Amino acid sequence: MIVEHAFLVGFSKSFGLFYLVVLSVAVVLHAMRPSNKKRFDEAARSILRDEAGPWR
């Protein structure tokens, strides 16, 4: 069975598109989970905390 180059290119482009869509949806769902709210809020506030002072 010989597979043509055009078929492989089309298949890889389609697979890559679906892979990236699924990955993006998974990242958004992970970020929007209510159980992560406390962790993300803490990370946002940690930038404003002055723990070590300015560099001198």
PDB file of N, CA and C in Angstrom:
ATOM      1  N   MET A   1       0.839  -1.172   0.000  1.00  0.00           N
ATOM      2  CA  MET A   1       0.000   0.000   0.000  1.00  0.00           C
ATOM      3  C   MET A   1       0.885   1.236   0.000  1.00  0.00           C
ATOM      4  N   ILE A   2       0.724   2.081  -0.983  1.00  0.00           N
ATOM      5  CA  ILE A   2       1.510   3.305  -1.090  1.00  0.00           C
ATOM      6  C   ILE A   2       0.633   4.483  -0.672  1.00  0.00           C
ATOM      7  N   VAL A   3       1.156   5.272   0.244  1.00  0.00           N
ATOM      8  CA  VAL A   3       0.431   6.450   0.715  1.00  0.00           C
ATOM      9  C   VAL A   3       1.003   7.669   0.008  1.00  0.00           C
ATOM     10  N   GLU A   4       0.130   8.488  -0.547  1.00  0.00           N
ATOM     11  CA  GLU A   4       0.587   9.655  -1.280  1.00  0.00           C
ATOM     12  C   GLU A   4       0.974  10.786  -0.344  1.00  0.00           C
ATOM     13  N   HIS A   5       1.874  11.608  -0.818  1.00  0.00           N
ATOM     14  CA  HIS A   5       2.388  12.727  -0.042  1.00  0.00           C
ATOM     15  C   HIS A   5       1.270  13.704   0.315  1.00  0.00           C
ATOM     16  N   ALA A   6       0.382  14.002  -0.605  1.00  0.00           N
ATOM     17  CA  ALA A   6      -0.709  14.946  -0.360  1.00  0.00           C
ATOM     18  C   ALA A   6      -1.627  14.449   0.754  1.00  0.00           C
ATOM     19  N   PHE A   7      -1.870  13.142   0.795  1.00  0.00           N
ATOM     20  CA  PHE A   7      -2.690  12.584   1.864  1.00  0.00           C
ATOM     21  C   PHE A   7      -2.014  12.760   3.219  1.00  0.00           C
ATOM     22  N   LEU A   8      -0.722  12.468   3.280  1.00  0.00           N
ATOM     23  CA  LEU A   8      -0.002  12.615   4.542  1.00  0.00           C
ATOM     24  C   LEU A   8       0.043  14.060   5.009  1.00  0.00           C
ATOM     25  N   VAL A   9       0.236  15.003   4.086  1.00  0.00           N
ATOM     26  CA  VAL A   9       0.263  16.420   4.453  1.00  0.00           C
ATOM     27  C   VAL A   9      -1.102  16.851   4.977  1.00  0.00           C
ATOM     28  N   GLY A  10      -2.153  16.471   4.305  1.00  0.00           N
ATOM     29  CA  GLY A  10      -3.504  16.813   4.756  1.00  0.00           C
ATOM     30  C   GLY A  10      -3.831  16.203   6.103  1.00  0.00           C
ATOM     31  N   PHE A  11      -3.460  14.956   6.296  1.00  0.00           N
ATOM     32  CA  PHE A  11      -3.708  14.283   7.570  1.00  0.00           C
ATOM     33  C   PHE A  11      -2.944  14.944   8.699  1.00  0.00           C
ATOM     34  N   SER A  12      -1.675  15.281   8.471  1.00  0.00           N
ATOM     35  CA  SER A  12      -0.874  15.883   9.538  1.00  0.00           C
ATOM     36  C   SER A  12      -1.372  17.281   9.886  1.00  0.00           C
ATOM     37  N   LYS A  13      -1.830  18.033   8.887  1.00  0.00           N
ATOM     38  CA  LYS A  13      -2.384  19.359   9.169  1.00  0.00           C
ATOM     39  C   LYS A  13      -3.678  19.250   9.971  1.00  0.00           C
ATOM     40  N   SER A  14      -4.525  18.318   9.612  1.00  0.00           N
ATOM     41  CA  SER A  14      -5.781  18.131  10.339  1.00  0.00           C
ATOM     42  C   SER A  14      -5.510  17.661  11.761  1.00  0.00           C
ATOM     43  N   PHE A  15      -4.631  16.687  11.900  1.00  0.00           N
ATOM     44  CA  PHE A  15      -4.304  16.180  13.228  1.00  0.00           C
ATOM     45  C   PHE A  15      -3.710  17.280  14.092  1.00  0.00           C
ATOM     46  N   GLY A  16      -2.821  18.084  13.535  1.00  0.00           N
ATOM     47  CA  GLY A  16      -2.214  19.178  14.287  1.00  0.00           C
ATOM     48  C   GLY A  16      -3.244  20.204  14.717  1.00  0.00           C
ATOM     49  N   LEU A  17      -4.193  20.515  13.844  1.00  0.00           N
ATOM     50  CA  LEU A  17      -5.248  21.470  14.185  1.00  0.00           C
ATOM     51  C   LEU A  17      -6.091  20.951  15.341  1.00  0.00           C
ATOM     52  N   PHE A  18      -6.549  19.706  15.236  1.00  0.00           N
ATOM     53  CA  PHE A  18      -7.370  19.142  16.307  1.00  0.00           C
ATOM     54  C   PHE A  18      -6.582  19.004  17.601  1.00  0.00           C
ATOM     55  N   TYR A  19      -5.321  18.659  17.515  1.00  0.00           N
ATOM     56  CA  TYR A  19      -4.468  18.551  18.701  1.00  0.00           C
ATOM     57  C   TYR A  19      -4.365  19.893  19.411  1.00  0.00           C
ATOM     58  N   LEU A  20      -4.125  20.967  18.665  1.00  0.00           N
ATOM     59  CA  LEU A  20      -3.993  22.288  19.278  1.00  0.00           C
ATOM     60  C   LEU A  20      -5.313  22.792  19.842  1.00  0.00           C
ATOM     61  N   VAL A  21      -6.417  22.479  19.190  1.00  0.00           N
ATOM     62  CA  VAL A  21      -7.723  22.884  19.715  1.00  0.00           C
ATOM     63  C   VAL A  21      -8.002  22.165  21.033  1.00  0.00           C
ATOM     64  N   VAL A  22      -7.760  20.879  21.079  1.00  0.00           N
ATOM     65  CA  VAL A  22      -7.991  20.109  22.306  1.00  0.00           C
ATOM     66  C   VAL A  22      -7.059  20.587  23.422  1.00  0.00           C
ATOM     67  N   LEU A  23      -5.822  20.852  23.104  1.00  0.00           N
ATOM     68  CA  LEU A  23      -4.879  21.349  24.104  1.00  0.00           C
ATOM     69  C   LEU A  23      -5.313  22.709  24.639  1.00  0.00           C
ATOM     70  N   SER A  24      -5.769  23.588  23.772  1.00  0.00           N
ATOM     71  CA  SER A  24      -6.220  24.910  24.200  1.00  0.00           C
ATOM     72  C   SER A  24      -7.444  24.816  25.109  1.00  0.00           C
ATOM     73  N   VAL A  25      -8.373  23.967  24.756  1.00  0.00           N
ATOM     74  CA  VAL A  25      -9.566  23.775  25.590  1.00  0.00           C
ATOM     75  C   VAL A  25      -9.170  23.213  26.953  1.00  0.00           C
ATOM     76  N   ALA A  26      -8.244  22.290  26.992  1.00  0.00           N
ATOM     77  CA  ALA A  26      -7.799  21.719  28.263  1.00  0.00           C
ATOM     78  C   ALA A  26      -7.132  22.769  29.146  1.00  0.00           C
ATOM     79  N   VAL A  27      -6.328  23.640  28.555  1.00  0.00           N
ATOM     80  CA  VAL A  27      -5.659  24.693  29.331  1.00  0.00           C
ATOM     81  C   VAL A  27      -6.685  25.672  29.890  1.00  0.00           C
ATOM     82  N   VAL A  28      -7.655  26.056  29.083  1.00  0.00           N
ATOM     83  CA  VAL A  28      -8.692  26.991  29.548  1.00  0.00           C
ATOM     84  C   VAL A  28      -9.525  26.356  30.656  1.00  0.00           C
ATOM     85  N   LEU A  29      -9.907  25.104  30.495  1.00  0.00           N
ATOM     86  CA  LEU A  29     -10.678  24.430  31.543  1.00  0.00           C
ATOM     87  C   LEU A  29      -9.885  24.320  32.841  1.00  0.00           C
ATOM     88  N   HIS A  30      -8.602  24.051  32.738  1.00  0.00           N
ATOM     89  CA  HIS A  30      -7.764  23.973  33.931  1.00  0.00           C
ATOM     90  C   HIS A  30      -7.682  25.333  34.625  1.00  0.00           C
ATOM     91  N   ALA A  31      -7.535  26.387  33.852  1.00  0.00           N
ATOM     92  CA  ALA A  31      -7.414  27.727  34.431  1.00  0.00           C
ATOM     93  C   ALA A  31      -8.723  28.200  35.051  1.00  0.00           C
ATOM     94  N   MET A  32      -9.848  27.734  34.546  1.00  0.00           N
ATOM     95  CA  MET A  32     -11.144  28.200  35.035  1.00  0.00           C
ATOM     96  C   MET A  32     -11.726  27.342  36.155  1.00  0.00           C
ATOM     97  N   ARG A  33     -11.035  26.309  36.550  1.00  0.00           N
ATOM     98  CA  ARG A  33     -11.550  25.461  37.627  1.00  0.00           C
ATOM     99  C   ARG A  33     -11.643  26.251  38.919  1.00  0.00           C
ATOM    100  N   PRO A  34     -12.749  26.146  39.630  1.00  0.00           N
ATOM    101  CA  PRO A  34     -12.889  26.891  40.889  1.00  0.00           C
ATOM    102  C   PRO A  34     -11.845  26.499  41.934  1.00  0.00           C
ATOM    103  N   SER A  35     -11.358  25.286  41.889  1.00  0.00           N
ATOM    104  CA  SER A  35     -10.377  24.859  42.895  1.00  0.00           C
ATOM    105  C   SER A  35      -9.027  25.543  42.703  1.00  0.00           C
ATOM    106  N   ASN A  36      -8.777  26.123  41.539  1.00  0.00           N
ATOM    107  CA  ASN A  36      -7.511  26.820  41.294  1.00  0.00           C
ATOM    108  C   ASN A  36      -7.571  28.308  41.620  1.00  0.00           C
ATOM    109  N   LYS A  37      -8.736  28.829  41.987  1.00  0.00           N
ATOM    110  CA  LYS A  37      -8.888  30.264  42.222  1.00  0.00           C
ATOM    111  C   LYS A  37      -7.956  30.756  43.322  1.00  0.00           C
ATOM    112  N   LYS A  38      -7.886  30.053  44.412  1.00  0.00           N
ATOM    113  CA  LYS A  38      -7.037  30.494  45.525  1.00  0.00           C
ATOM    114  C   LYS A  38      -5.569  30.534  45.097  1.00  0.00           C
ATOM    115  N   ARG A  39      -5.130  29.531  44.382  1.00  0.00           N
ATOM    116  CA  ARG A  39      -3.730  29.470  43.956  1.00  0.00           C
ATOM    117  C   ARG A  39      -3.397  30.598  42.983  1.00  0.00           C
ATOM    118  N   PHE A  40      -4.293  30.867  42.041  1.00  0.00           N
ATOM    119  CA  PHE A  40      -4.051  31.937  41.075  1.00  0.00           C
ATOM    120  C   PHE A  40      -4.124  33.315  41.729  1.00  0.00           C
ATOM    121  N   ASP A  41      -5.042  33.505  42.681  1.00  0.00           N
ATOM    122  CA  ASP A  41      -5.108  34.784  43.392  1.00  0.00           C
ATOM    123  C   ASP A  41      -3.842  35.024  44.197  1.00  0.00           C
ATOM    124  N   GLU A  42      -3.342  33.991  44.829  1.00  0.00           N
ATOM    125  CA  GLU A  42      -2.096  34.115  45.592  1.00  0.00           C
ATOM    126  C   GLU A  42      -0.924  34.447  44.676  1.00  0.00           C
ATOM    127  N   ALA A  43      -0.874  33.839  43.528  1.00  0.00           N
ATOM    128  CA  ALA A  43       0.201  34.134  42.573  1.00  0.00           C
ATOM    129  C   ALA A  43       0.117  35.578  42.085  1.00  0.00           C
ATOM    130  N   ALA A  44      -1.091  36.085  41.892  1.00  0.00           N
ATOM    131  CA  ALA A  44      -1.254  37.477  41.452  1.00  0.00           C
ATOM    132  C   ALA A  44      -0.828  38.456  42.534  1.00  0.00           C
ATOM    133  N   ARG A  45      -1.099  38.125  43.791  1.00  0.00           N
ATOM    134  CA  ARG A  45      -0.711  39.024  44.887  1.00  0.00           C
ATOM    135  C   ARG A  45       0.768  38.920  45.226  1.00  0.00           C
ATOM    136  N   SER A  46       1.394  37.803  44.931  1.00  0.00           N
ATOM    137  CA  SER A  46       2.787  37.611  45.322  1.00  0.00           C
ATOM    138  C   SER A  46       3.723  38.566  44.586  1.00  0.00           C
ATOM    139  N   ILE A  47       3.324  39.041  43.425  1.00  0.00           N
ATOM    140  CA  ILE A  47       4.148  39.986  42.683  1.00  0.00           C
ATOM    141  C   ILE A  47       4.208  41.314  43.416  1.00  0.00           C
ATOM    142  N   LEU A  48       3.136  41.673  44.093  1.00  0.00           N
ATOM    143  CA  LEU A  48       3.063  42.960  44.776  1.00  0.00           C
ATOM    144  C   LEU A  48       3.773  42.945  46.130  1.00  0.00           C
ATOM    145  N   ARG A  49       3.996  41.768  46.670  1.00  0.00           N
ATOM    146  CA  ARG A  49       4.686  41.671  47.963  1.00  0.00           C
ATOM    147  C   ARG A  49       6.157  42.006  47.814  1.00  0.00           C
ATOM    148  N   ASP A  50       6.687  42.753  48.774  1.00  0.00           N
ATOM    149  CA  ASP A  50       8.108  43.114  48.744  1.00  0.00           C
ATOM    150  C   ASP A  50       8.819  42.261  49.789  1.00  0.00           C
ATOM    151  N   GLU A  51       9.276  41.100  49.380  1.00  0.00           N
ATOM    152  CA  GLU A  51       9.872  40.162  50.332  1.00  0.00           C
ATOM    153  C   GLU A  51      11.347  40.451  50.576  1.00  0.00           C
ATOM    154  N   ALA A  52      12.096  40.699  49.519  1.00  0.00           N
ATOM    155  CA  ALA A  52      13.539  40.845  49.669  1.00  0.00           C
ATOM    156  C   ALA A  52      13.987  42.298  49.535  1.00  0.00           C
ATOM    157  N   GLY A  53      13.128  43.186  49.169  1.00  0.00           N
ATOM    158  CA  GLY A  53      13.508  44.571  48.980  1.00  0.00           C
ATOM    159  C   GLY A  53      14.089  44.787  47.584  1.00  0.00           C
ATOM    160  N   PRO A  54      14.373  46.011  47.256  1.00  0.00           N
ATOM    161  CA  PRO A  54      14.899  46.305  45.921  1.00  0.00           C
ATOM    162  C   PRO A  54      16.350  45.836  45.759  1.00  0.00           C
ATOM    163  N   TRP A  55      16.738  45.609  44.519  1.00  0.00           N
ATOM    164  CA  TRP A  55      18.120  45.223  44.234  1.00  0.00           C
ATOM    165  C   TRP A  55      19.003  46.435  44.405  1.00  0.00           C
ATOM    166  N   ARG A  56      20.145  46.275  45.009  1.00  0.00           N
ATOM    167  CA  ARG A  56      21.090  47.388  45.199  1.00  0.00           C
ATOM    168  C   ARG A  56      22.454  46.970  44.749  1.00  0.00           C
TER     169      ARG A  56
END
